[in-house]
N, C-alpha and C. Protein backbone atom coordinates (compact mmCIF):
# COMPACT_ATOMS: atom_id res chain seq x y z
N MET A 1 102.41 56.00 69.49
CA MET A 1 101.62 56.68 68.06
C MET A 1 100.59 57.92 67.98
N THR A 2 100.55 58.30 66.82
CA THR A 2 99.83 59.98 67.47
C THR A 2 98.18 59.89 67.37
N ASN A 3 97.43 60.20 68.24
CA ASN A 3 96.43 60.13 68.49
C ASN A 3 95.58 60.53 67.62
N ALA A 4 94.48 60.05 67.42
CA ALA A 4 93.02 60.56 66.33
C ALA A 4 92.34 62.45 66.89
N ARG A 5 92.84 62.86 65.58
CA ARG A 5 92.20 64.13 66.16
C ARG A 5 90.91 64.21 65.84
N ALA A 6 90.66 64.32 64.06
CA ALA A 6 89.25 64.70 62.97
C ALA A 6 88.48 63.11 63.96
N VAL A 7 87.43 63.94 63.42
CA VAL A 7 86.10 62.64 63.48
C VAL A 7 84.95 62.48 62.51
N ILE A 8 85.03 62.09 62.30
CA ILE A 8 84.89 61.74 60.93
C ILE A 8 82.88 60.60 61.13
N SER A 9 81.47 61.33 60.44
CA SER A 9 80.76 60.71 60.84
C SER A 9 79.42 60.39 59.72
N ASP A 10 79.12 58.85 59.91
CA ASP A 10 78.01 58.84 59.29
C ASP A 10 77.04 59.64 59.31
N PHE A 11 75.60 59.28 58.34
CA PHE A 11 74.47 60.44 59.06
C PHE A 11 73.68 59.49 59.71
N GLY A 12 72.93 58.76 58.39
CA GLY A 12 71.96 57.53 58.71
C GLY A 12 71.86 56.77 59.71
N GLY A 13 71.71 56.21 60.60
CA GLY A 13 71.78 55.22 61.56
C GLY A 13 72.86 55.22 62.68
N VAL A 14 73.27 56.30 62.40
CA VAL A 14 74.84 57.11 63.67
C VAL A 14 73.96 57.76 64.57
N LEU A 15 74.12 59.05 63.33
CA LEU A 15 73.48 60.38 64.07
C LEU A 15 71.89 60.56 63.87
N THR A 16 71.43 59.30 63.62
CA THR A 16 69.82 59.26 63.59
C THR A 16 69.50 57.70 64.19
N THR A 17 68.23 57.36 64.46
CA THR A 17 67.61 56.16 64.65
C THR A 17 67.71 55.59 64.27
N PRO A 18 67.78 54.12 63.97
CA PRO A 18 68.10 53.28 62.74
C PRO A 18 67.56 53.04 61.76
N LEU A 19 67.98 52.91 60.62
CA LEU A 19 67.33 53.11 59.19
C LEU A 19 66.35 52.02 58.68
N ALA A 20 66.57 51.12 59.46
CA ALA A 20 65.93 49.83 59.77
C ALA A 20 64.04 49.99 59.90
N ALA A 21 64.34 50.68 61.04
CA ALA A 21 63.16 50.95 61.53
C ALA A 21 62.33 52.14 60.78
N ALA A 22 63.25 52.71 60.19
CA ALA A 22 62.71 53.86 59.27
C ALA A 22 61.71 52.86 58.24
N PHE A 23 62.77 52.08 57.42
CA PHE A 23 61.98 51.26 56.24
C PHE A 23 60.96 50.22 56.06
N ARG A 24 60.49 49.73 57.58
CA ARG A 24 59.39 48.92 58.56
C ARG A 24 58.37 50.08 58.22
N ARG A 25 58.35 51.25 58.52
CA ARG A 25 57.53 52.06 58.95
C ARG A 25 56.93 52.18 56.95
N PHE A 26 58.04 52.03 56.53
CA PHE A 26 57.53 52.90 54.89
C PHE A 26 56.81 51.33 54.74
N SER A 27 57.24 49.99 55.08
CA SER A 27 56.68 48.80 54.44
C SER A 27 55.27 48.38 54.71
N GLU A 28 54.78 49.25 56.54
CA GLU A 28 53.64 49.19 57.13
C GLU A 28 53.11 49.95 56.00
N GLY A 29 53.59 51.13 56.09
CA GLY A 29 52.25 52.06 55.35
C GLY A 29 52.20 52.06 53.73
N SER A 30 53.22 51.34 53.25
CA SER A 30 52.98 51.03 51.97
C SER A 30 52.29 50.18 51.49
N GLY A 31 52.24 48.79 52.26
CA GLY A 31 51.77 47.15 51.74
C GLY A 31 52.63 46.73 51.02
N VAL A 32 54.19 47.54 50.82
CA VAL A 32 55.06 46.72 49.60
C VAL A 32 56.15 46.06 50.85
N THR A 33 56.20 44.91 50.98
CA THR A 33 57.65 44.46 52.11
C THR A 33 58.76 44.49 51.66
N LEU A 34 59.91 44.86 52.19
CA LEU A 34 61.31 45.03 52.45
C LEU A 34 61.78 43.95 51.25
N GLU A 35 61.02 42.79 51.67
CA GLU A 35 61.77 41.76 50.42
C GLU A 35 60.93 42.25 49.18
N GLU A 36 59.98 42.34 49.21
CA GLU A 36 59.25 42.79 47.62
C GLU A 36 60.48 43.98 46.91
N LEU A 37 60.58 44.98 47.74
CA LEU A 37 61.59 46.21 47.19
C LEU A 37 62.93 45.81 46.90
N GLY A 38 63.18 44.77 47.44
CA GLY A 38 64.79 44.63 47.55
C GLY A 38 64.52 43.58 46.11
N VAL A 39 63.61 43.15 45.63
CA VAL A 39 63.35 41.73 44.54
C VAL A 39 63.36 43.00 43.26
N ALA A 40 62.43 43.62 43.60
CA ALA A 40 62.32 45.35 42.34
C ALA A 40 63.63 45.89 42.05
N MET A 41 64.75 46.00 43.43
CA MET A 41 65.79 46.60 42.82
C MET A 41 66.50 45.90 42.62
N ALA A 42 66.56 44.59 41.92
CA ALA A 42 67.66 43.92 41.69
C ALA A 42 66.98 43.77 40.21
N ALA A 43 65.89 43.50 40.06
CA ALA A 43 65.57 43.39 38.47
C ALA A 43 65.92 44.69 37.67
N VAL A 44 65.56 45.87 38.33
CA VAL A 44 65.86 47.52 37.49
C VAL A 44 67.11 47.24 37.59
N GLY A 45 68.10 46.51 38.98
CA GLY A 45 69.54 46.52 38.94
C GLY A 45 70.11 45.66 37.04
N ALA A 46 69.44 44.51 37.04
CA ALA A 46 70.08 43.68 36.21
C ALA A 46 69.70 44.49 34.69
N GLU A 47 68.69 45.19 34.90
CA GLU A 47 68.27 45.75 33.34
C GLU A 47 68.84 46.94 33.19
N ARG A 48 69.36 47.58 34.10
CA ARG A 48 70.35 49.38 33.45
C ARG A 48 71.68 48.70 34.08
N GLY A 49 72.08 47.47 34.61
CA GLY A 49 73.60 47.02 34.62
C GLY A 49 74.19 47.69 36.01
N GLU A 50 73.31 48.41 36.71
CA GLU A 50 74.07 48.60 37.96
C GLU A 50 72.88 48.78 39.28
N ASN A 51 73.37 48.54 40.29
CA ASN A 51 72.58 48.94 41.36
C ASN A 51 71.84 50.25 40.92
N PRO A 52 70.64 50.33 41.25
CA PRO A 52 69.73 51.91 40.86
C PRO A 52 70.21 52.43 42.44
N LEU A 53 70.52 52.18 43.60
CA LEU A 53 70.00 52.77 44.59
C LEU A 53 71.69 53.65 44.55
N PHE A 54 72.84 52.75 44.01
CA PHE A 54 73.85 52.99 44.07
C PHE A 54 74.24 54.26 42.69
N THR A 55 72.96 54.40 41.97
CA THR A 55 72.52 55.56 41.00
C THR A 55 72.45 56.84 41.37
N LEU A 56 71.33 56.48 42.12
CA LEU A 56 70.43 56.96 43.17
C LEU A 56 71.56 58.23 43.74
N GLU A 57 72.65 57.70 44.58
CA GLU A 57 73.35 57.92 46.05
C GLU A 57 74.16 58.41 45.45
N THR A 58 74.64 58.07 44.18
CA THR A 58 76.24 59.15 43.58
C THR A 58 75.08 60.45 42.60
N GLY A 59 74.15 60.33 42.48
CA GLY A 59 73.35 61.56 41.80
C GLY A 59 73.01 61.69 40.41
N LYS A 60 72.91 60.46 39.71
CA LYS A 60 73.53 59.89 38.51
C LYS A 60 71.86 59.45 37.84
N MET A 61 70.84 59.33 38.87
CA MET A 61 69.50 59.32 38.91
C MET A 61 68.91 60.14 39.53
N SER A 62 67.77 60.61 39.08
CA SER A 62 67.08 61.53 40.16
C SER A 62 65.98 60.76 41.20
N GLU A 63 65.24 61.48 42.15
CA GLU A 63 64.28 60.43 42.70
C GLU A 63 63.38 60.06 42.60
N ALA A 64 62.86 60.93 41.39
CA ALA A 64 61.79 60.57 40.60
C ALA A 64 61.76 59.71 39.60
N GLU A 65 63.67 59.44 39.03
CA GLU A 65 63.24 58.29 38.54
C GLU A 65 63.79 56.97 39.00
N PHE A 66 64.18 56.86 39.99
CA PHE A 66 64.60 56.08 41.26
C PHE A 66 63.14 54.98 41.02
N MET A 67 62.32 56.16 41.68
CA MET A 67 60.81 55.92 42.15
C MET A 67 59.91 55.28 41.12
N ALA A 68 60.11 55.86 40.06
CA ALA A 68 59.41 55.49 39.02
C ALA A 68 59.81 53.84 38.42
N ALA A 69 61.17 53.82 38.13
CA ALA A 69 61.97 52.48 37.98
C ALA A 69 61.26 51.49 38.85
N LEU A 70 61.03 51.46 40.41
CA LEU A 70 60.60 50.96 41.33
C LEU A 70 59.30 50.25 41.23
N SER A 71 58.74 51.49 41.00
CA SER A 71 57.30 51.27 40.85
C SER A 71 57.14 50.44 39.76
N ALA A 72 57.35 50.79 38.56
CA ALA A 72 57.08 49.94 36.98
C ALA A 72 57.71 48.79 37.72
N GLN A 73 58.39 48.03 38.38
CA GLN A 73 58.94 46.67 38.25
C GLN A 73 57.68 46.41 39.70
N LEU A 74 57.27 46.79 40.58
CA LEU A 74 56.90 46.15 41.39
C LEU A 74 55.17 46.18 40.62
N THR A 75 55.04 47.13 39.27
CA THR A 75 53.75 46.60 39.37
C THR A 75 53.79 45.67 38.58
N ARG A 76 54.54 45.39 37.31
CA ARG A 76 54.71 44.18 36.69
C ARG A 76 54.70 43.07 37.72
N ALA A 77 55.31 42.98 38.80
CA ALA A 77 55.59 41.64 39.75
C ALA A 77 54.27 41.72 40.02
N ARG A 78 53.34 42.71 40.91
CA ARG A 78 51.65 42.70 41.36
C ARG A 78 50.83 42.26 40.32
N GLY A 79 51.09 43.29 39.26
CA GLY A 79 49.89 42.27 38.02
C GLY A 79 48.79 43.87 38.31
N HIS A 80 49.27 44.79 39.29
CA HIS A 80 48.32 46.01 39.19
C HIS A 80 49.21 47.03 39.47
N GLU A 81 48.79 48.41 39.36
CA GLU A 81 49.60 49.41 39.44
C GLU A 81 50.16 49.80 40.89
N VAL A 82 51.38 50.19 41.42
CA VAL A 82 52.00 49.90 42.80
C VAL A 82 52.68 51.52 42.03
N SER A 83 52.36 52.46 43.30
CA SER A 83 53.51 53.85 43.42
C SER A 83 53.87 53.81 44.76
N LEU A 84 55.27 54.47 43.89
CA LEU A 84 56.20 54.80 45.50
C LEU A 84 55.90 56.17 45.91
N ALA A 85 54.92 56.85 45.35
CA ALA A 85 55.27 58.13 45.63
C ALA A 85 54.71 58.43 47.34
N GLY A 86 55.91 59.31 47.56
CA GLY A 86 56.06 59.96 48.78
C GLY A 86 56.91 58.37 49.58
N PHE A 87 57.58 57.79 49.32
CA PHE A 87 58.74 57.43 50.15
C PHE A 87 59.59 57.88 50.88
N GLY A 88 60.38 59.47 50.37
CA GLY A 88 61.27 59.71 51.09
C GLY A 88 60.12 60.66 52.41
N GLU A 89 59.00 60.90 52.38
CA GLU A 89 58.56 61.37 53.07
C GLU A 89 57.86 60.33 54.72
N THR A 90 57.48 59.61 53.67
CA THR A 90 57.63 58.35 54.88
C THR A 90 58.57 57.77 55.10
N LEU A 91 59.68 57.71 54.97
CA LEU A 91 61.35 57.63 55.27
C LEU A 91 61.47 57.96 56.33
N PHE A 92 61.49 59.45 55.75
CA PHE A 92 61.74 60.65 57.12
C PHE A 92 60.47 60.78 58.19
N SER A 93 59.73 60.53 58.18
CA SER A 93 58.98 60.27 59.49
C SER A 93 59.08 59.02 60.64
N GLY A 94 59.79 58.52 59.94
CA GLY A 94 60.18 56.95 60.35
C GLY A 94 61.34 57.33 60.95
N LEU A 95 62.39 58.73 60.64
CA LEU A 95 63.73 58.65 61.34
C LEU A 95 63.69 59.83 62.26
N HIS A 96 64.31 59.82 63.23
CA HIS A 96 64.63 60.81 64.22
C HIS A 96 66.07 61.21 64.87
N PRO A 97 66.80 61.75 64.93
CA PRO A 97 68.06 62.54 65.31
C PRO A 97 67.94 61.43 66.83
N ASN A 98 69.40 60.99 66.44
CA ASN A 98 69.68 60.31 67.47
C ASN A 98 70.54 61.06 68.83
N GLU A 99 69.74 62.01 69.84
CA GLU A 99 70.07 62.64 70.27
C GLU A 99 70.81 62.72 71.45
N GLU A 100 71.38 61.52 71.87
CA GLU A 100 72.61 60.99 72.57
C GLU A 100 73.84 61.24 71.79
N PHE A 101 73.49 60.91 70.83
CA PHE A 101 74.85 60.74 69.87
C PHE A 101 75.20 62.11 68.80
N VAL A 102 74.26 62.63 69.23
CA VAL A 102 74.42 64.02 68.74
C VAL A 102 74.88 65.12 69.35
N ALA A 103 74.36 65.13 71.04
CA ALA A 103 74.94 65.50 72.12
C ALA A 103 76.63 65.46 72.46
N PHE A 104 76.77 63.72 72.30
CA PHE A 104 78.15 63.59 72.10
C PHE A 104 79.38 64.49 71.11
N MET A 105 78.32 64.62 69.70
CA MET A 105 78.92 65.25 68.55
C MET A 105 79.39 66.68 69.21
N ARG A 106 78.34 66.82 69.98
CA ARG A 106 78.33 68.62 70.53
C ARG A 106 79.57 68.59 71.68
N VAL A 107 80.03 68.02 72.12
CA VAL A 107 81.21 67.92 73.30
C VAL A 107 82.34 67.43 72.38
N LEU A 108 82.58 66.60 71.42
CA LEU A 108 83.40 66.54 70.66
C LEU A 108 83.96 67.78 70.09
N ARG A 109 83.27 68.37 69.87
CA ARG A 109 83.15 69.83 69.00
C ARG A 109 83.83 71.02 69.23
N GLY A 110 83.22 70.84 70.96
CA GLY A 110 83.92 72.07 71.90
C GLY A 110 85.21 71.33 72.70
N ARG A 111 85.47 70.15 72.12
CA ARG A 111 87.19 69.92 72.42
C ARG A 111 87.87 70.19 71.56
N GLY A 112 87.44 70.90 70.69
CA GLY A 112 88.25 71.03 69.26
C GLY A 112 88.86 70.64 68.44
N HIS A 113 87.77 69.37 67.86
CA HIS A 113 88.09 68.11 67.21
C HIS A 113 87.36 68.46 65.40
N PRO A 114 88.62 68.44 64.54
CA PRO A 114 87.92 69.13 63.64
C PRO A 114 86.67 67.99 63.29
N MET A 115 85.21 68.44 62.76
CA MET A 115 84.55 67.36 62.11
C MET A 115 83.87 67.34 61.18
N ALA A 116 83.22 66.51 60.66
CA ALA A 116 82.86 65.48 59.79
C ALA A 116 81.82 64.56 59.23
N ILE A 117 80.51 65.11 58.46
CA ILE A 117 79.92 64.08 57.84
C ILE A 117 80.38 63.66 56.58
N CYS A 118 80.18 62.37 56.28
CA CYS A 118 80.08 61.16 55.43
C CYS A 118 79.14 60.57 55.22
N THR A 119 78.45 60.90 54.43
CA THR A 119 77.10 60.22 54.10
C THR A 119 76.92 59.52 52.74
N ASN A 120 76.47 58.27 52.05
CA ASN A 120 75.46 58.06 50.97
C ASN A 120 74.40 58.53 51.13
N ASN A 121 73.86 59.63 50.19
CA ASN A 121 72.76 60.51 50.30
C ASN A 121 72.13 60.86 49.47
N VAL A 122 71.01 60.85 49.15
CA VAL A 122 70.25 61.70 47.96
C VAL A 122 69.83 62.99 47.75
N ARG A 123 70.54 63.43 46.33
CA ARG A 123 70.45 64.64 46.56
C ARG A 123 69.17 65.74 46.66
N GLU A 124 68.07 65.11 46.56
CA GLU A 124 66.36 65.61 47.03
C GLU A 124 66.77 65.94 48.04
N TRP A 125 66.94 64.64 49.11
CA TRP A 125 66.69 64.62 50.54
C TRP A 125 67.48 65.44 51.27
N SER A 126 68.40 66.76 50.36
CA SER A 126 69.60 66.88 51.14
C SER A 126 69.09 68.07 52.13
N ALA A 127 68.22 69.16 51.83
CA ALA A 127 67.85 69.94 52.73
C ALA A 127 66.95 69.10 53.89
N ARG A 128 66.24 68.12 53.79
CA ARG A 128 65.59 67.08 54.59
C ARG A 128 66.45 66.91 55.74
N TRP A 129 67.83 66.15 55.30
CA TRP A 129 68.34 65.41 56.68
C TRP A 129 69.00 66.48 57.61
N GLN A 130 69.62 67.52 56.51
CA GLN A 130 70.09 68.29 57.56
C GLN A 130 69.46 69.41 58.09
N ALA A 131 68.28 69.11 58.06
CA ALA A 131 67.43 70.35 59.01
C ALA A 131 67.12 69.28 60.55
N MET A 132 67.58 68.49 60.06
CA MET A 132 67.30 67.53 61.66
C MET A 132 68.14 67.42 62.31
N ILE A 133 69.53 67.60 62.70
CA ILE A 133 70.14 67.85 63.51
C ILE A 133 71.21 69.37 62.78
N PRO A 134 71.56 70.23 63.93
CA PRO A 134 72.51 71.29 63.41
C PRO A 134 73.97 71.28 62.76
N VAL A 135 73.75 70.51 61.72
CA VAL A 135 74.95 70.67 60.51
C VAL A 135 75.92 71.63 61.19
N ALA A 136 75.54 72.46 60.69
CA ALA A 136 76.26 73.84 60.42
C ALA A 136 77.01 73.82 62.02
N GLU A 137 76.12 73.78 62.75
CA GLU A 137 76.86 74.04 64.07
C GLU A 137 77.85 73.14 64.91
N LEU A 138 78.00 72.04 63.89
CA LEU A 138 78.37 70.76 65.03
C LEU A 138 79.69 70.47 64.05
N PHE A 139 79.56 70.60 62.43
CA PHE A 139 80.74 69.88 61.66
C PHE A 139 81.21 70.39 60.37
N ASP A 140 82.79 70.82 60.30
CA ASP A 140 83.11 71.60 59.70
C ASP A 140 82.83 71.24 58.17
N VAL A 141 82.69 70.24 57.78
CA VAL A 141 82.57 69.67 56.52
C VAL A 141 81.86 68.72 56.64
N VAL A 142 81.35 68.68 55.15
CA VAL A 142 80.43 67.88 55.10
C VAL A 142 79.95 67.33 53.24
N ILE A 143 80.25 65.64 53.61
CA ILE A 143 80.70 65.09 51.81
C ILE A 143 79.54 64.31 52.03
N ASP A 144 79.06 64.58 50.94
CA ASP A 144 77.21 63.58 50.69
C ASP A 144 77.48 63.36 49.09
N SER A 145 77.34 62.26 49.16
CA SER A 145 77.79 61.15 48.02
C SER A 145 76.98 61.57 47.10
N SER A 146 75.96 62.28 46.82
CA SER A 146 75.17 62.23 45.93
C SER A 146 75.38 63.69 44.86
N GLU A 147 76.46 64.33 45.97
CA GLU A 147 77.07 66.11 45.47
C GLU A 147 78.36 65.52 44.78
N LEU A 148 79.15 64.52 45.48
CA LEU A 148 80.30 64.11 45.13
C LEU A 148 80.68 63.23 44.45
N GLY A 149 79.26 62.44 44.17
CA GLY A 149 79.63 61.53 42.54
C GLY A 149 79.96 60.40 43.19
N VAL A 150 80.41 59.91 44.05
CA VAL A 150 80.84 58.85 44.62
C VAL A 150 80.43 58.44 46.65
N ARG A 151 81.02 57.17 46.67
CA ARG A 151 79.55 56.68 47.27
C ARG A 151 80.33 55.59 48.18
N LYS A 152 79.87 55.23 49.55
CA LYS A 152 81.06 54.41 50.16
C LYS A 152 80.80 53.12 49.76
N PRO A 153 81.72 52.20 49.75
CA PRO A 153 82.45 52.09 50.37
C PRO A 153 83.86 52.53 49.42
N ASP A 154 83.56 53.12 48.38
CA ASP A 154 84.92 53.82 47.68
C ASP A 154 85.65 54.66 47.73
N PRO A 155 87.62 54.20 48.35
CA PRO A 155 87.83 55.56 49.02
C PRO A 155 88.07 56.54 48.46
N ARG A 156 87.54 57.07 47.37
CA ARG A 156 87.70 58.43 46.91
C ARG A 156 86.97 59.29 47.91
N ILE A 157 85.76 58.71 48.24
CA ILE A 157 85.04 59.61 49.15
C ILE A 157 85.41 59.86 50.29
N TYR A 158 86.05 58.78 51.20
CA TYR A 158 87.22 59.13 52.40
C TYR A 158 88.42 60.18 52.20
N GLN A 159 88.60 59.90 50.72
CA GLN A 159 90.00 60.59 50.35
C GLN A 159 89.51 62.14 50.24
N ALA A 160 88.20 62.14 49.92
CA ALA A 160 88.04 63.58 49.89
C ALA A 160 87.35 64.50 51.24
N THR A 161 86.70 63.47 51.85
CA THR A 161 86.63 63.94 53.45
C THR A 161 87.95 64.23 54.42
N LEU A 162 88.80 63.46 54.02
CA LEU A 162 90.27 63.88 55.00
C LEU A 162 90.62 64.52 53.98
N ALA A 163 90.88 65.40 53.00
CA ALA A 163 91.21 66.32 52.07
C ALA A 163 90.24 67.49 52.75
N ALA A 164 89.09 67.73 52.78
CA ALA A 164 88.44 68.90 53.00
C ALA A 164 88.93 69.45 54.57
N LEU A 165 89.55 67.69 55.54
CA LEU A 165 89.51 68.38 57.04
C LEU A 165 90.72 69.17 57.04
N GLY A 166 91.58 68.72 56.11
CA GLY A 166 93.10 68.58 56.03
C GLY A 166 93.91 68.11 57.12
N VAL A 167 93.58 66.51 57.16
CA VAL A 167 93.90 65.37 58.39
C VAL A 167 94.60 64.23 57.24
N ALA A 168 95.24 64.09 57.83
CA ALA A 168 95.87 62.30 57.07
C ALA A 168 95.05 61.48 58.10
N PRO A 169 95.01 60.50 57.10
CA PRO A 169 94.21 58.96 57.79
C PRO A 169 94.45 58.54 58.92
N GLU A 170 95.62 58.82 59.08
CA GLU A 170 95.84 58.30 60.95
C GLU A 170 95.45 58.91 61.98
N SER A 171 95.19 60.38 61.49
CA SER A 171 94.66 61.37 62.87
C SER A 171 93.22 61.62 62.80
N ALA A 172 92.66 60.63 61.95
CA ALA A 172 90.87 60.38 61.84
C ALA A 172 90.06 59.29 62.21
N VAL A 173 89.37 60.01 63.00
CA VAL A 173 88.43 58.63 63.83
C VAL A 173 87.27 58.28 62.74
N PHE A 174 86.29 57.27 62.12
CA PHE A 174 85.40 57.11 61.85
C PHE A 174 84.48 56.27 61.85
N ILE A 175 82.98 57.01 61.74
CA ILE A 175 81.83 56.56 62.46
C ILE A 175 80.84 55.71 61.09
N ASP A 176 80.62 54.67 61.47
CA ASP A 176 79.69 54.11 60.19
C ASP A 176 79.03 52.82 60.52
N ASP A 177 77.65 52.72 60.38
CA ASP A 177 76.60 51.80 61.24
C ASP A 177 76.78 50.86 60.01
N LEU A 178 77.65 50.20 58.86
CA LEU A 178 77.74 49.41 57.77
C LEU A 178 79.20 49.03 57.99
N GLN A 179 79.84 47.82 58.71
CA GLN A 179 80.35 47.45 58.41
C GLN A 179 81.70 47.28 57.43
N ILE A 180 81.07 46.89 56.28
CA ILE A 180 81.85 47.33 55.03
C ILE A 180 82.62 48.76 54.56
N ASN A 181 82.03 49.50 55.30
CA ASN A 181 82.37 50.89 55.46
C ASN A 181 83.41 51.33 56.44
N CYS A 182 83.36 50.55 57.26
CA CYS A 182 84.20 50.69 58.20
C CYS A 182 85.37 50.00 57.96
N GLU A 183 85.72 49.11 57.23
CA GLU A 183 86.45 48.36 56.84
C GLU A 183 87.61 48.85 55.89
N ALA A 184 86.63 49.67 54.89
CA ALA A 184 87.45 50.43 53.71
C ALA A 184 88.14 51.43 54.45
N ALA A 185 87.43 52.68 55.61
CA ALA A 185 88.07 53.52 56.25
C ALA A 185 89.65 52.86 57.04
N ALA A 186 89.42 51.92 57.32
CA ALA A 186 90.11 51.76 57.95
C ALA A 186 91.32 50.90 56.83
N GLY A 187 90.96 50.23 56.13
CA GLY A 187 92.06 50.11 54.89
C GLY A 187 93.11 51.20 54.60
N LEU A 188 92.58 52.33 54.55
CA LEU A 188 92.87 53.33 54.46
C LEU A 188 93.85 54.05 55.73
N GLY A 189 93.46 53.58 56.39
CA GLY A 189 94.49 54.13 57.54
C GLY A 189 94.04 54.60 59.04
N MET A 190 92.81 55.08 58.46
CA MET A 190 91.38 55.81 59.43
C MET A 190 91.39 54.61 60.71
N ARG A 191 91.03 55.53 62.10
CA ARG A 191 90.83 54.56 62.90
C ARG A 191 89.07 54.28 62.95
N ALA A 192 88.46 53.25 62.68
CA ALA A 192 87.19 53.25 62.56
C ALA A 192 86.37 52.49 63.81
N VAL A 193 85.12 53.09 63.58
CA VAL A 193 84.46 52.47 65.00
C VAL A 193 82.97 52.10 64.22
N TRP A 194 82.82 50.79 64.26
CA TRP A 194 81.08 50.32 63.59
C TRP A 194 80.38 50.28 64.69
N PHE A 195 79.36 51.17 64.41
CA PHE A 195 78.47 51.58 65.63
C PHE A 195 77.18 50.87 65.26
N GLN A 196 77.43 50.10 66.57
CA GLN A 196 75.85 48.74 66.84
C GLN A 196 74.73 49.17 67.37
N GLU A 197 75.65 50.25 68.74
CA GLU A 197 74.22 51.01 69.60
C GLU A 197 75.01 52.08 69.85
N THR A 198 74.56 53.11 71.03
CA THR A 198 75.08 54.36 70.92
C THR A 198 76.27 54.09 72.15
N GLU A 199 75.42 53.53 73.03
CA GLU A 199 76.63 53.67 74.42
C GLU A 199 78.12 53.13 73.78
N GLN A 200 77.80 51.99 72.83
CA GLN A 200 79.11 51.14 72.57
C GLN A 200 80.04 51.95 71.45
N ALA A 201 79.03 53.15 70.87
CA ALA A 201 80.16 53.50 69.86
C ALA A 201 80.31 54.74 70.39
N ILE A 202 80.16 55.82 71.64
CA ILE A 202 80.83 56.38 71.80
C ILE A 202 81.77 55.96 73.61
N THR A 203 82.14 54.97 73.85
CA THR A 203 83.25 54.65 74.58
C THR A 203 84.46 53.39 73.29
N ASP A 204 84.02 53.43 71.99
CA ASP A 204 84.83 53.13 71.15
C ASP A 204 85.41 54.39 70.68
N VAL A 205 84.81 55.23 70.23
CA VAL A 205 85.30 57.19 69.63
C VAL A 205 86.36 57.34 70.78
N GLU A 206 85.63 57.18 72.35
CA GLU A 206 86.63 57.80 72.97
C GLU A 206 88.31 57.03 73.53
N ALA A 207 87.67 55.54 72.85
CA ALA A 207 89.41 55.00 73.20
C ALA A 207 89.89 55.47 71.93
N ALA A 208 89.25 55.54 70.61
CA ALA A 208 89.97 55.63 69.20
C ALA A 208 90.74 56.42 69.79
N LEU A 209 90.23 58.02 69.83
CA LEU A 209 90.26 59.15 70.14
C LEU A 209 91.93 59.08 71.13
N ASP A 210 91.86 58.65 72.26
CA ASP A 210 92.60 58.31 73.27
C ASP A 210 94.07 57.61 72.33
N GLY A 211 93.43 56.94 71.21
CA GLY A 211 94.72 56.37 70.45
C GLY A 211 94.95 54.98 70.70
N ASP A 212 93.99 54.46 71.76
CA ASP A 212 93.48 52.65 71.06
C ASP A 212 92.42 52.44 70.95
N GLY A 213 92.05 53.08 69.49
CA GLY A 213 91.19 52.03 68.82
C GLY A 213 91.26 51.03 67.83
N ALA A 214 90.36 50.64 67.50
CA ALA A 214 89.91 49.19 67.42
C ALA A 214 90.22 48.99 65.60
N ALA A 215 90.88 49.85 64.88
CA ALA A 215 90.73 49.89 63.54
C ALA A 215 92.11 49.68 63.08
């Protein structure tokens, strides 16, 4: 079996602290529960025929349009004005680099592995998230769904990442905190590591790079 060489990592929840904690911080600060936010998102999706988060993360909707649509839905549901202004700033204030895993990425970079980030993200957040970690120092390739117009788990975003790295699927290990994204990567032939906590992920990535990955 050919050992995996390239390393493809998700951003939020892998190279950062868990996203759930950041969303809880937003909820506590805004008074909007995560349940309310989910219901509002579903309602906007029903009106528009597409999940608004998917539209946002593929660059087809601006952050301002996304927030306005959700704010309007929450206002209707509550019967008084609700504003989600500052959502991005509040979310990022509760998100921090996963220093241990970032250090592991630096080790892998030092070993000569081709390195990429493949992230579902928001166009307007690009400068903010890339300032959180030394992206240019650690990664050869950055594939952002909002720039490509395709998001995980669509196979095309994985294929674009592999093409940019110049490697075949079987020569790559993929890391993500969402199982569905890992399953899609594995379906293309990559060795996938489902990130659940840092120590486990490091162990699993090392195993995958040794040719014994679980994908």
